[in-house]
Amino acid sequence: MKLSIVVPVFNEQQSLSELCDRIAATAAAQGYDYEVVFVDDGSRDASWSTIVQLSQQNPAIRGVKLRRNFGKAAALSAGFERVTGDCVVTMDADLQDDPKEIPNLLGELNKGFDVVSGWKKTRHDPWHKVLPSRVFNRLISWLTGVHLHDHNCGLKIYRREVLSEVELYGERHRFIPVLAAARGFRVSEIVVEHHERKHGVSKYGFERFVKGFLDLMTVYFLTGYGNRPQHLLGTVGLVSSCSGMLGLFMLASWWIVSRLSDSIHDVHLHQKAIFYFCILAVLLGIQLISIGFLAELITAMNRSSRSSFSVSEDTADKRESEDAK
C-alpha cells in the first residue's frame, strides 16, 4: 500500500523543512512507501523555493505551484489530482498537525472505514478561535447527521476512491467527511495531538465563520436535496401558501360574520397587518414552488456524468480479476 500526503502551503517557509523531516521519520519507522505533494497556494514568501529544494533532496517529495491564492479547497484538489497512493492523508504545513498520528489514522481506516478525521481534543489556540469552532462543529453535526467533534481539523485520511467521488470548490474542504457520508462512505474520528504554532500566523479570521456558515447551508442543500430540490422548496412553499390561505379564509369569515350580525364595529381588513402578512405568505409560497420547478428542470437538464449513487463492489469485477489471474 502506498501512502500519499497532501499539504497545502501558504507562507509557511519556516516550517517546511522540519515537517519533511518529521514525515520522513514516521515513514521510515513504519516502513511506508510514501509520497508528499506540497501545493503552494500563492505564497508570498520563499515557500516555493524551499519546496523545490526539498524535492531535489528527496524524490518522494513533489511540489505544485498555483498561479495565485485560490484557497485551501483548490490547493487540496490540485494535490488530489496528482497523488498515486491508495490512501491519502491531508495535513496543514504549520507543524500543528503531527505526522506521528498517521499510523493511528491508518489503523482506524483499516477497521473498515473510508474516511478518518482527526479530533484536536486539546487545542493550543486562543479562546476566540476555539469557542466559535466548537459551536460551528456542533451545528454541522446537527444539520448533516455526521457527528464529528472537529470537522475543521486538517489532519484526515481518505481512501483514494472517496476523493474520486467528492468534488471540491469554494471552501468545501472542511465538509469532505459530510460529502463522503452522503455518498455512502463510512466516516470515523480519532483523537490526535495538536501542537502550538511555532512559525508564522494563523490564516483564518472572523470571515472564516461567515463563509463556513454559508457553505454549510449549501452543503446541507446539496447533500440532502441536490437531486430533488422541489422536496425542500416545494414543502416550504406549500406550508407558506396553505398558512396564508388559511389566514385569509379566517379573516374573510370574520368579515362576513361581522356584516351579517350588523356589528357596530365595522371590520376593515385592509387596516389589519395580518391581512398583508397572509397575502405575502401566499405569494412567497407560490414563488418557492415555482423556483422548485425551475430547479428540478435545471437538475434534469444538467445531469453530470457522475451518478447519484456510489457502488461499493461488483461481482463482475471480481470475476474478471479471477479470469485475469
C-alpha atoms as a PDB file:
ATOM      1  CA  MET A   1       0.000   0.000   0.000  1.00  0.00           C
ATOM      2  CA  LYS A   2       1.303   3.401  -0.983  1.00  0.00           C
ATOM      3  CA  LEU A   3       0.569   6.419   1.184  1.00  0.00           C
ATOM      4  CA  SER A   4       0.130   9.898  -0.285  1.00  0.00           C
ATOM      5  CA  ILE A   5       0.321  13.035   1.849  1.00  0.00           C
ATOM      6  CA  VAL A   6      -1.120  16.301   0.518  1.00  0.00           C
ATOM      7  CA  VAL A   7      -0.009  19.510   2.250  1.00  0.00           C
ATOM      8  CA  PRO A   8      -1.458  22.914   1.229  1.00  0.00           C
ATOM      9  CA  VAL A   9       1.094  25.672   1.754  1.00  0.00           C
ATOM     10  CA  PHE A  10       0.587  29.406   2.160  1.00  0.00           C
ATOM     11  CA  ASN A  11       3.520  31.399   3.539  1.00  0.00           C
ATOM     12  CA  GLU A  12       4.982  28.545   5.608  1.00  0.00           C
ATOM     13  CA  GLN A  13       8.628  28.545   4.513  1.00  0.00           C
ATOM     14  CA  GLN A  14       9.979  28.275   8.081  1.00  0.00           C
ATOM     15  CA  SER A  15       8.174  25.045   8.881  1.00  0.00           C
ATOM     16  CA  LEU A  16       8.532  23.041   5.654  1.00  0.00           C
ATOM     17  CA  SER A  17      11.945  21.501   6.280  1.00  0.00           C
ATOM     18  CA  GLU A  18      11.026  20.339   9.774  1.00  0.00           C
ATOM     19  CA  LEU A  19       7.713  18.973   8.530  1.00  0.00           C
ATOM     20  CA  CYS A  20       9.501  16.950   5.842  1.00  0.00           C
ATOM     21  CA  ASP A  21      11.894  15.544   8.439  1.00  0.00           C
ATOM     22  CA  ARG A  22       9.006  14.503  10.673  1.00  0.00           C
ATOM     23  CA  ILE A  23       7.147  12.837   7.800  1.00  0.00           C
ATOM     24  CA  ALA A  24      10.273  11.015   6.637  1.00  0.00           C
ATOM     25  CA  ALA A  25      10.998   9.809  10.190  1.00  0.00           C
ATOM     26  CA  THR A  26       7.461   8.443  10.593  1.00  0.00           C
ATOM     27  CA  ALA A  27       7.558   6.745   7.173  1.00  0.00           C
ATOM     28  CA  ALA A  28      10.935   5.144   7.920  1.00  0.00           C
ATOM     29  CA  ALA A  29       9.806   3.903  11.329  1.00  0.00           C
ATOM     30  CA  GLN A  30       6.638   2.351   9.866  1.00  0.00           C
ATOM     31  CA  GLY A  31       8.171   1.193   6.579  1.00  0.00           C
ATOM     32  CA  TYR A  32       5.739   3.178   4.431  1.00  0.00           C
ATOM     33  CA  ASP A  33       6.050   3.595   0.685  1.00  0.00           C
ATOM     34  CA  TYR A  34       5.029   7.221   0.568  1.00  0.00           C
ATOM     35  CA  GLU A  35       4.910  10.465  -1.375  1.00  0.00           C
ATOM     36  CA  VAL A  36       4.388  14.053  -0.271  1.00  0.00           C
ATOM     37  CA  VAL A  37       2.693  16.604  -2.506  1.00  0.00           C
ATOM     38  CA  PHE A  38       3.195  20.201  -1.388  1.00  0.00           C
ATOM     39  CA  VAL A  39       0.786  22.629  -3.055  1.00  0.00           C
ATOM     40  CA  ASP A  40       1.965  26.240  -2.875  1.00  0.00           C
ATOM     41  CA  ASP A  41      -1.250  28.248  -2.856  1.00  0.00           C
ATOM     42  CA  GLY A  42       0.187  31.573  -3.991  1.00  0.00           C
ATOM     43  CA  SER A  43       2.679  32.090  -1.161  1.00  0.00           C
ATOM     44  CA  ARG A  44       4.387  35.464  -0.996  1.00  0.00           C
ATOM     45  CA  ASP A  45       7.443  34.260   0.897  1.00  0.00           C
ATOM     46  CA  ALA A  46      10.121  31.731  -0.077  1.00  0.00           C
ATOM     47  CA  SER A  47       7.868  28.695   0.367  1.00  0.00           C
ATOM     48  CA  TRP A  48       8.134  27.638  -3.286  1.00  0.00           C
ATOM     49  CA  SER A  49      11.913  27.793  -3.447  1.00  0.00           C
ATOM     50  CA  THR A  50      12.024  25.751  -0.244  1.00  0.00           C
ATOM     51  CA  ILE A  51       9.695  23.150  -1.764  1.00  0.00           C
ATOM     52  CA  VAL A  52      11.852  22.956  -4.896  1.00  0.00           C
ATOM     53  CA  GLN A  53      14.942  22.429  -2.777  1.00  0.00           C
ATOM     54  CA  LEU A  54      13.266  19.727  -0.696  1.00  0.00           C
ATOM     55  CA  SER A  55      12.048  17.906  -3.821  1.00  0.00           C
ATOM     56  CA  GLN A  56      15.590  17.842  -5.157  1.00  0.00           C
ATOM     57  CA  GLN A  57      16.832  16.324  -1.914  1.00  0.00           C
ATOM     58  CA  ASN A  58      14.068  13.713  -1.607  1.00  0.00           C
ATOM     59  CA  PRO A  59      12.452  12.029  -4.669  1.00  0.00           C
ATOM     60  CA  ALA A  60       9.354  11.242  -2.575  1.00  0.00           C
ATOM     61  CA  ILE A  61       8.560  14.963  -2.404  1.00  0.00           C
ATOM     62  CA  ARG A  62       6.705  16.751  -5.176  1.00  0.00           C
ATOM     63  CA  GLY A  63       5.781  20.410  -5.433  1.00  0.00           C
ATOM     64  CA  VAL A  64       2.894  22.083  -7.221  1.00  0.00           C
ATOM     65  CA  LYS A  65       2.717  25.874  -7.509  1.00  0.00           C
ATOM     66  CA  LEU A  66      -0.593  27.632  -8.138  1.00  0.00           C
ATOM     67  CA  ARG A  67      -0.515  30.938 -10.010  1.00  0.00           C
ATOM     68  CA  ARG A  68      -2.224  32.796  -7.165  1.00  0.00           C
ATOM     69  CA  ASN A  69      -4.007  32.151  -3.888  1.00  0.00           C
ATOM     70  CA  PHE A  70      -7.069  30.107  -4.872  1.00  0.00           C
ATOM     71  CA  GLY A  71      -7.941  28.867  -1.383  1.00  0.00           C
ATOM     72  CA  LYS A  72      -7.429  25.653   0.534  1.00  0.00           C
ATOM     73  CA  ALA A  73     -10.084  23.662  -1.322  1.00  0.00           C
ATOM     74  CA  ALA A  74      -8.429  24.400  -4.673  1.00  0.00           C
ATOM     75  CA  ALA A  75      -4.995  23.551  -3.266  1.00  0.00           C
ATOM     76  CA  LEU A  76      -6.260  20.219  -1.968  1.00  0.00           C
ATOM     77  CA  SER A  77      -7.927  19.467  -5.300  1.00  0.00           C
ATOM     78  CA  ALA A  78      -4.659  20.154  -7.128  1.00  0.00           C
ATOM     79  CA  GLY A  79      -2.912  17.747  -4.787  1.00  0.00           C
ATOM     80  CA  PHE A  80      -5.601  15.072  -5.060  1.00  0.00           C
ATOM     81  CA  GLU A  81      -5.313  15.099  -8.851  1.00  0.00           C
ATOM     82  CA  ARG A  82      -1.614  14.242  -8.629  1.00  0.00           C
ATOM     83  CA  VAL A  83      -1.440  11.611  -5.897  1.00  0.00           C
ATOM     84  CA  THR A  84      -0.782   7.975  -6.751  1.00  0.00           C
ATOM     85  CA  GLY A  85      -1.264   6.328  -3.352  1.00  0.00           C
ATOM     86  CA  ASP A  86      -4.040   4.021  -2.198  1.00  0.00           C
ATOM     87  CA  CYS A  87      -4.672   6.186   0.879  1.00  0.00           C
ATOM     88  CA  VAL A  88      -4.390   9.964   1.049  1.00  0.00           C
ATOM     89  CA  VAL A  89      -3.523  11.962   4.159  1.00  0.00           C
ATOM     90  CA  THR A  90      -4.100  15.702   4.397  1.00  0.00           C
ATOM     91  CA  MET A  91      -2.366  17.908   6.934  1.00  0.00           C
ATOM     92  CA  ASP A  92      -1.519  21.554   7.432  1.00  0.00           C
ATOM     93  CA  ALA A  93       2.000  22.863   6.923  1.00  0.00           C
ATOM     94  CA  ASP A  94       2.251  24.849  10.163  1.00  0.00           C
ATOM     95  CA  LEU A  95       3.531  21.927  12.309  1.00  0.00           C
ATOM     96  CA  GLN A  96       0.389  21.920  14.449  1.00  0.00           C
ATOM     97  CA  ASP A  97      -0.540  18.567  12.877  1.00  0.00           C
ATOM     98  CA  ASP A  98       1.822  15.756  13.927  1.00  0.00           C
ATOM     99  CA  PRO A  99       2.878  13.156  11.302  1.00  0.00           C
ATOM    100  CA  LYS A 100       3.242  10.658  14.171  1.00  0.00           C
ATOM    101  CA  GLU A 101      -0.558  10.398  14.122  1.00  0.00           C
ATOM    102  CA  ILE A 102      -0.563   8.903  10.617  1.00  0.00           C
ATOM    103  CA  PRO A 103      -0.200   5.266  11.844  1.00  0.00           C
ATOM    104  CA  ASN A 104      -3.167   5.821  14.178  1.00  0.00           C
ATOM    105  CA  LEU A 105      -5.266   7.250  11.352  1.00  0.00           C
ATOM    106  CA  LEU A 106      -4.296   4.359   9.090  1.00  0.00           C
ATOM    107  CA  GLY A 107      -5.084   1.833  11.815  1.00  0.00           C
ATOM    108  CA  GLU A 108      -8.591   3.264  12.205  1.00  0.00           C
ATOM    109  CA  LEU A 109      -9.052   3.293   8.425  1.00  0.00           C
ATOM    110  CA  ASN A 110      -8.169  -0.404   8.277  1.00  0.00           C
ATOM    111  CA  LYS A 111     -11.089  -1.175  10.585  1.00  0.00           C
ATOM    112  CA  GLY A 112     -13.362  -0.769   7.600  1.00  0.00           C
ATOM    113  CA  PHE A 113     -13.779   2.985   7.376  1.00  0.00           C
ATOM    114  CA  ASP A 114     -13.312   5.140   4.287  1.00  0.00           C
ATOM    115  CA  VAL A 115     -12.621   8.491   5.964  1.00  0.00           C
ATOM    116  CA  VAL A 116     -10.969   9.100   9.336  1.00  0.00           C
ATOM    117  CA  SER A 117     -10.886  12.621  10.720  1.00  0.00           C
ATOM    118  CA  GLY A 118      -8.660  13.925  13.479  1.00  0.00           C
ATOM    119  CA  TRP A 119     -10.117  15.423  16.628  1.00  0.00           C
ATOM    120  CA  LYS A 120      -7.990  18.081  18.297  1.00  0.00           C
ATOM    121  CA  LYS A 121      -9.453  17.369  21.721  1.00  0.00           C
ATOM    122  CA  THR A 122      -6.833  19.539  23.431  1.00  0.00           C
ATOM    123  CA  ARG A 123      -6.308  22.624  21.300  1.00  0.00           C
ATOM    124  CA  HIS A 124      -3.495  25.133  21.571  1.00  0.00           C
ATOM    125  CA  ASP A 125      -5.391  28.042  20.056  1.00  0.00           C
ATOM    126  CA  PRO A 126      -6.820  31.227  21.616  1.00  0.00           C
ATOM    127  CA  TRP A 127     -10.326  31.008  23.060  1.00  0.00           C
ATOM    128  CA  HIS A 128     -11.809  33.312  20.416  1.00  0.00           C
ATOM    129  CA  LYS A 129     -10.956  30.661  17.827  1.00  0.00           C
ATOM    130  CA  VAL A 130     -11.806  27.584  19.905  1.00  0.00           C
ATOM    131  CA  LEU A 131     -15.262  28.644  21.112  1.00  0.00           C
ATOM    132  CA  PRO A 132     -16.766  29.589  17.710  1.00  0.00           C
ATOM    133  CA  SER A 133     -15.199  26.451  16.216  1.00  0.00           C
ATOM    134  CA  ARG A 134     -16.930  24.218  18.758  1.00  0.00           C
ATOM    135  CA  VAL A 135     -20.276  25.889  18.134  1.00  0.00           C
ATOM    136  CA  PHE A 136     -19.781  25.538  14.393  1.00  0.00           C
ATOM    137  CA  ASN A 137     -18.838  21.855  14.706  1.00  0.00           C
ATOM    138  CA  ARG A 138     -21.964  21.096  16.702  1.00  0.00           C
ATOM    139  CA  LEU A 139     -24.083  22.919  14.146  1.00  0.00           C
ATOM    140  CA  ILE A 140     -22.571  20.879  11.298  1.00  0.00           C
ATOM    141  CA  SER A 141     -23.136  17.608  13.166  1.00  0.00           C
ATOM    142  CA  TRP A 142     -26.744  18.536  13.958  1.00  0.00           C
ATOM    143  CA  LEU A 143     -27.658  19.599  10.428  1.00  0.00           C
ATOM    144  CA  THR A 144     -25.835  16.891   8.474  1.00  0.00           C
ATOM    145  CA  GLY A 145     -26.051  13.899  10.814  1.00  0.00           C
ATOM    146  CA  VAL A 146     -22.281  13.342  10.515  1.00  0.00           C
ATOM    147  CA  HIS A 147     -21.273  13.555  14.158  1.00  0.00           C
ATOM    148  CA  LEU A 148     -17.656  14.667  14.400  1.00  0.00           C
ATOM    149  CA  HIS A 149     -16.157  16.761  17.162  1.00  0.00           C
ATOM    150  CA  ASP A 150     -13.782  18.588  14.806  1.00  0.00           C
ATOM    151  CA  HIS A 151     -14.894  18.967  11.197  1.00  0.00           C
ATOM    152  CA  ASN A 152     -12.252  21.663  10.673  1.00  0.00           C
ATOM    153  CA  CYS A 153      -9.271  19.508  11.588  1.00  0.00           C
ATOM    154  CA  GLY A 154      -6.827  19.449   8.657  1.00  0.00           C
ATOM    155  CA  LEU A 155      -5.417  16.042   9.637  1.00  0.00           C
ATOM    156  CA  LYS A 156      -7.501  13.410   7.871  1.00  0.00           C
ATOM    157  CA  ILE A 157      -7.028  10.220   5.860  1.00  0.00           C
ATOM    158  CA  TYR A 158      -9.107   9.012   2.922  1.00  0.00           C
ATOM    159  CA  ARG A 159      -9.306   6.007   0.697  1.00  0.00           C
ATOM    160  CA  ARG A 160      -8.489   7.010  -2.864  1.00  0.00           C
ATOM    161  CA  GLU A 161     -11.958   6.205  -4.202  1.00  0.00           C
ATOM    162  CA  VAL A 162     -13.536   8.736  -1.830  1.00  0.00           C
ATOM    163  CA  LEU A 163     -11.686  11.621  -3.428  1.00  0.00           C
ATOM    164  CA  SER A 164     -12.680  10.497  -6.920  1.00  0.00           C
ATOM    165  CA  GLU A 165     -16.363  10.947  -5.995  1.00  0.00           C
ATOM    166  CA  VAL A 166     -16.197  14.161  -3.960  1.00  0.00           C
ATOM    167  CA  GLU A 167     -15.979  17.432  -5.863  1.00  0.00           C
ATOM    168  CA  LEU A 168     -14.247  20.335  -4.122  1.00  0.00           C
ATOM    169  CA  TYR A 169     -14.641  24.050  -4.806  1.00  0.00           C
ATOM    170  CA  GLY A 170     -15.103  27.228  -2.807  1.00  0.00           C
ATOM    171  CA  GLU A 171     -14.499  26.445   0.881  1.00  0.00           C
ATOM    172  CA  ARG A 172     -15.962  22.944   0.890  1.00  0.00           C
ATOM    173  CA  HIS A 173     -12.755  21.233   2.038  1.00  0.00           C
ATOM    174  CA  ARG A 174     -13.937  21.200   5.655  1.00  0.00           C
ATOM    175  CA  PHE A 175     -17.043  19.275   4.579  1.00  0.00           C
ATOM    176  CA  ILE A 176     -15.326  16.353   2.814  1.00  0.00           C
ATOM    177  CA  PRO A 177     -16.464  13.862   5.507  1.00  0.00           C
ATOM    178  CA  VAL A 178     -20.035  15.140   5.130  1.00  0.00           C
ATOM    179  CA  LEU A 179     -19.900  14.898   1.332  1.00  0.00           C
ATOM    180  CA  ALA A 180     -18.349  11.419   1.584  1.00  0.00           C
ATOM    181  CA  ALA A 181     -21.014  10.242   4.034  1.00  0.00           C
ATOM    182  CA  ALA A 182     -23.701  11.482   1.630  1.00  0.00           C
ATOM    183  CA  ARG A 183     -22.215   9.117  -0.977  1.00  0.00           C
ATOM    184  CA  GLY A 184     -22.400   6.194   1.440  1.00  0.00           C
ATOM    185  CA  PHE A 185     -18.796   6.093   2.650  1.00  0.00           C
ATOM    186  CA  ARG A 186     -18.102   5.243   6.292  1.00  0.00           C
ATOM    187  CA  VAL A 187     -16.653   8.053   8.427  1.00  0.00           C
ATOM    188  CA  SER A 188     -14.827   7.798  11.745  1.00  0.00           C
ATOM    189  CA  GLU A 189     -12.828  10.021  14.088  1.00  0.00           C
ATOM    190  CA  ILE A 190      -9.878   9.640  16.454  1.00  0.00           C
ATOM    191  CA  VAL A 191      -8.214  11.966  18.940  1.00  0.00           C
ATOM    192  CA  VAL A 192      -4.966  13.471  17.621  1.00  0.00           C
ATOM    193  CA  GLU A 193      -2.288  15.595  19.239  1.00  0.00           C
ATOM    194  CA  HIS A 194      -2.336  19.297  18.479  1.00  0.00           C
ATOM    195  CA  HIS A 195       0.784  21.442  18.808  1.00  0.00           C
ATOM    196  CA  GLU A 196       1.226  25.149  19.291  1.00  0.00           C
ATOM    197  CA  ARG A 197       2.124  27.174  16.239  1.00  0.00           C
ATOM    198  CA  LYS A 198       5.895  27.717  16.067  1.00  0.00           C
ATOM    199  CA  HIS A 199       6.175  29.897  12.964  1.00  0.00           C
ATOM    200  CA  GLY A 200       4.014  32.340  11.051  1.00  0.00           C
ATOM    201  CA  VAL A 201       0.492  33.469  11.832  1.00  0.00           C
ATOM    202  CA  SER A 202      -2.952  31.970  11.516  1.00  0.00           C
ATOM    203  CA  LYS A 203      -4.588  32.362   8.096  1.00  0.00           C
ATOM    204  CA  TYR A 204      -8.121  32.406   9.464  1.00  0.00           C
ATOM    205  CA  GLY A 205     -10.178  35.328  10.740  1.00  0.00           C
ATOM    206  CA  PHE A 206     -13.795  36.096  11.560  1.00  0.00           C
ATOM    207  CA  GLU A 207     -14.804  35.899   7.896  1.00  0.00           C
ATOM    208  CA  ARG A 208     -13.963  32.208   8.021  1.00  0.00           C
ATOM    209  CA  PHE A 209     -17.026  31.534  10.162  1.00  0.00           C
ATOM    210  CA  VAL A 210     -19.322  33.627   7.965  1.00  0.00           C
ATOM    211  CA  LYS A 211     -18.163  31.789   4.850  1.00  0.00           C
ATOM    212  CA  GLY A 212     -18.280  28.494   6.710  1.00  0.00           C
ATOM    213  CA  PHE A 213     -21.926  29.003   7.696  1.00  0.00           C
ATOM    214  CA  LEU A 214     -22.921  29.894   4.132  1.00  0.00           C
ATOM    215  CA  ASP A 215     -21.028  26.852   2.826  1.00  0.00           C
ATOM    216  CA  LEU A 216     -22.783  24.707   5.430  1.00  0.00           C
ATOM    217  CA  MET A 217     -26.160  25.800   4.082  1.00  0.00           C
ATOM    218  CA  THR A 218     -25.003  24.943   0.563  1.00  0.00           C
ATOM    219  CA  VAL A 219     -23.655  21.535   1.570  1.00  0.00           C
ATOM    220  CA  TYR A 220     -26.811  20.775   3.548  1.00  0.00           C
ATOM    221  CA  PHE A 221     -28.933  21.534   0.497  1.00  0.00           C
ATOM    222  CA  LEU A 222     -26.685  19.638  -1.940  1.00  0.00           C
ATOM    223  CA  THR A 223     -26.315  16.508   0.185  1.00  0.00           C
ATOM    224  CA  GLY A 224     -29.943  16.379   1.228  1.00  0.00           C
ATOM    225  CA  TYR A 225     -31.808  17.808  -1.756  1.00  0.00           C
ATOM    226  CA  GLY A 226     -29.303  18.163  -4.588  1.00  0.00           C
ATOM    227  CA  ASN A 227     -31.200  15.658  -6.759  1.00  0.00           C
ATOM    228  CA  ARG A 228     -34.683  16.632  -5.505  1.00  0.00           C
ATOM    229  CA  PRO A 229     -34.756  20.391  -4.858  1.00  0.00           C
ATOM    230  CA  GLN A 230     -38.545  20.573  -5.093  1.00  0.00           C
ATOM    231  CA  HIS A 231     -38.856  18.395  -1.999  1.00  0.00           C
ATOM    232  CA  LEU A 232     -37.376  21.212   0.073  1.00  0.00           C
ATOM    233  CA  LEU A 233     -38.533  24.312  -1.808  1.00  0.00           C
ATOM    234  CA  GLY A 234     -41.954  22.863  -2.578  1.00  0.00           C
ATOM    235  CA  THR A 235     -42.549  21.776   1.003  1.00  0.00           C
ATOM    236  CA  VAL A 236     -41.697  25.202   2.395  1.00  0.00           C
ATOM    237  CA  GLY A 237     -43.761  26.801  -0.363  1.00  0.00           C
ATOM    238  CA  LEU A 238     -46.809  24.643   0.349  1.00  0.00           C
ATOM    239  CA  VAL A 239     -46.625  25.350   4.068  1.00  0.00           C
ATOM    240  CA  SER A 240     -46.349  29.080   3.410  1.00  0.00           C
ATOM    241  CA  SER A 241     -49.181  29.157   0.862  1.00  0.00           C
ATOM    242  CA  CYS A 242     -51.510  26.998   2.937  1.00  0.00           C
ATOM    243  CA  SER A 243     -50.850  29.074   6.043  1.00  0.00           C
ATOM    244  CA  GLY A 244     -51.562  32.275   4.121  1.00  0.00           C
ATOM    245  CA  MET A 245     -54.748  30.937   2.559  1.00  0.00           C
ATOM    246  CA  LEU A 246     -55.959  29.634   5.919  1.00  0.00           C
ATOM    247  CA  GLY A 247     -55.356  33.062   7.423  1.00  0.00           C
ATOM    248  CA  LEU A 248     -57.217  34.790   4.585  1.00  0.00           C
ATOM    249  CA  PHE A 249     -60.117  32.342   4.966  1.00  0.00           C
ATOM    250  CA  MET A 250     -60.366  33.098   8.694  1.00  0.00           C
ATOM    251  CA  LEU A 251     -60.217  36.846   8.057  1.00  0.00           C
ATOM    252  CA  ALA A 252     -62.890  36.579   5.372  1.00  0.00           C
ATOM    253  CA  SER A 253     -65.112  34.557   7.718  1.00  0.00           C
ATOM    254  CA  TRP A 254     -64.638  37.184  10.414  1.00  0.00           C
ATOM    255  CA  TRP A 255     -65.605  39.940   7.970  1.00  0.00           C
ATOM    256  CA  ILE A 256     -68.716  38.061   6.782  1.00  0.00           C
ATOM    257  CA  VAL A 257     -69.863  37.332  10.323  1.00  0.00           C
ATOM    258  CA  SER A 258     -69.426  40.973  11.308  1.00  0.00           C
ATOM    259  CA  ARG A 259     -71.533  42.052   8.322  1.00  0.00           C
ATOM    260  CA  LEU A 260     -74.320  39.548   8.970  1.00  0.00           C
ATOM    261  CA  SER A 261     -74.522  40.407  12.681  1.00  0.00           C
ATOM    262  CA  ASP A 262     -74.769  44.136  11.985  1.00  0.00           C
ATOM    263  CA  SER A 263     -71.855  44.774  14.319  1.00  0.00           C
ATOM    264  CA  ILE A 264     -71.362  48.331  15.451  1.00  0.00           C
ATOM    265  CA  HIS A 265     -67.649  47.997  14.834  1.00  0.00           C
ATOM    266  CA  ASP A 266     -67.034  47.515  11.132  1.00  0.00           C
ATOM    267  CA  VAL A 267     -64.175  45.187  10.227  1.00  0.00           C
ATOM    268  CA  HIS A 268     -61.796  46.752   7.723  1.00  0.00           C
ATOM    269  CA  LEU A 269     -59.358  44.063   6.650  1.00  0.00           C
ATOM    270  CA  HIS A 270     -57.047  46.491   4.891  1.00  0.00           C
ATOM    271  CA  GLN A 271     -56.331  48.034   8.270  1.00  0.00           C
ATOM    272  CA  LYS A 272     -55.135  44.724   9.741  1.00  0.00           C
ATOM    273  CA  ALA A 273     -51.436  43.889   9.425  1.00  0.00           C
ATOM    274  CA  ILE A 274     -52.239  40.162   9.481  1.00  0.00           C
ATOM    275  CA  PHE A 275     -54.131  40.614   6.205  1.00  0.00           C
ATOM    276  CA  TYR A 276     -50.984  41.689   4.407  1.00  0.00           C
ATOM    277  CA  PHE A 277     -48.892  39.012   6.088  1.00  0.00           C
ATOM    278  CA  CYS A 278     -51.286  36.347   4.783  1.00  0.00           C
ATOM    279  CA  ILE A 279     -51.107  37.713   1.245  1.00  0.00           C
ATOM    280  CA  LEU A 280     -47.301  37.805   1.493  1.00  0.00           C
ATOM    281  CA  ALA A 281     -47.260  34.173   2.697  1.00  0.00           C
ATOM    282  CA  VAL A 282     -49.362  33.041  -0.271  1.00  0.00           C
ATOM    283  CA  LEU A 283     -47.205  34.897  -2.788  1.00  0.00           C
ATOM    284  CA  LEU A 284     -43.978  33.660  -1.165  1.00  0.00           C
ATOM    285  CA  GLY A 285     -45.245  30.086  -1.243  1.00  0.00           C
ATOM    286  CA  ILE A 286     -46.133  30.317  -4.925  1.00  0.00           C
ATOM    287  CA  GLN A 287     -42.694  31.750  -5.700  1.00  0.00           C
ATOM    288  CA  LEU A 288     -40.907  28.969  -3.800  1.00  0.00           C
ATOM    289  CA  ILE A 289     -42.901  26.274  -5.593  1.00  0.00           C
ATOM    290  CA  SER A 290     -42.140  27.927  -8.941  1.00  0.00           C
ATOM    291  CA  ILE A 291     -38.423  28.124  -8.099  1.00  0.00           C
ATOM    292  CA  GLY A 292     -38.581  24.458  -7.102  1.00  0.00           C
ATOM    293  CA  PHE A 293     -39.955  23.535 -10.543  1.00  0.00           C
ATOM    294  CA  LEU A 294     -37.183  25.538 -12.220  1.00  0.00           C
ATOM    295  CA  ALA A 295     -34.578  23.871 -10.005  1.00  0.00           C
ATOM    296  CA  GLU A 296     -35.934  20.430 -10.931  1.00  0.00           C
ATOM    297  CA  LEU A 297     -35.803  21.375 -14.614  1.00  0.00           C
ATOM    298  CA  ILE A 298     -32.200  22.593 -14.342  1.00  0.00           C
ATOM    299  CA  THR A 299     -31.225  19.466 -12.399  1.00  0.00           C
ATOM    300  CA  ALA A 300     -32.786  17.217 -15.052  1.00  0.00           C
ATOM    301  CA  MET A 301     -31.158  19.069 -17.950  1.00  0.00           C
ATOM    302  CA  ASN A 302     -27.706  19.248 -16.387  1.00  0.00           C
ATOM    303  CA  ARG A 303     -27.153  15.751 -15.110  1.00  0.00           C
ATOM    304  CA  SER A 304     -23.389  15.236 -14.913  1.00  0.00           C
ATOM    305  CA  SER A 305     -21.625  12.027 -15.804  1.00  0.00           C
ATOM    306  CA  ARG A 306     -21.336  11.265 -12.100  1.00  0.00           C
ATOM    307  CA  SER A 307     -24.214   9.099 -10.938  1.00  0.00           C
ATOM    308  CA  SER A 308     -26.364   9.909  -7.931  1.00  0.00           C
ATOM    309  CA  PHE A 309     -25.248   6.680  -6.247  1.00  0.00           C
ATOM    310  CA  SER A 310     -21.966   5.037  -5.286  1.00  0.00           C
ATOM    311  CA  VAL A 311     -21.120   1.364  -5.950  1.00  0.00           C
ATOM    312  CA  SER A 312     -19.017  -0.446  -3.369  1.00  0.00           C
ATOM    313  CA  GLU A 313     -18.477  -3.819  -5.065  1.00  0.00           C
ATOM    314  CA  ASP A 314     -19.462  -5.644  -8.244  1.00  0.00           C
ATOM    315  CA  THR A 315     -19.214  -9.416  -8.660  1.00  0.00           C
ATOM    316  CA  ALA A 316     -18.411  -8.949 -12.354  1.00  0.00           C
ATOM    317  CA  ASP A 317     -15.239  -7.089 -11.420  1.00  0.00           C
ATOM    318  CA  LYS A 318     -14.166  -9.938  -9.155  1.00  0.00           C
ATOM    319  CA  ARG A 319     -14.857 -12.477 -11.901  1.00  0.00           C
ATOM    320  CA  GLU A 320     -12.761 -10.536 -14.396  1.00  0.00           C
ATOM    321  CA  SER A 321      -9.952 -10.285 -11.850  1.00  0.00           C
ATOM    322  CA  GLU A 322     -10.001 -14.017 -11.253  1.00  0.00           C
ATOM    323  CA  ASP A 323     -10.029 -14.734 -15.008  1.00  0.00           C
ATOM    324  CA  ALA A 324      -7.022 -12.460 -15.458  1.00  0.00           C
ATOM    325  CA  LYS A 325      -5.098 -14.457 -12.868  1.00  0.00           C
END
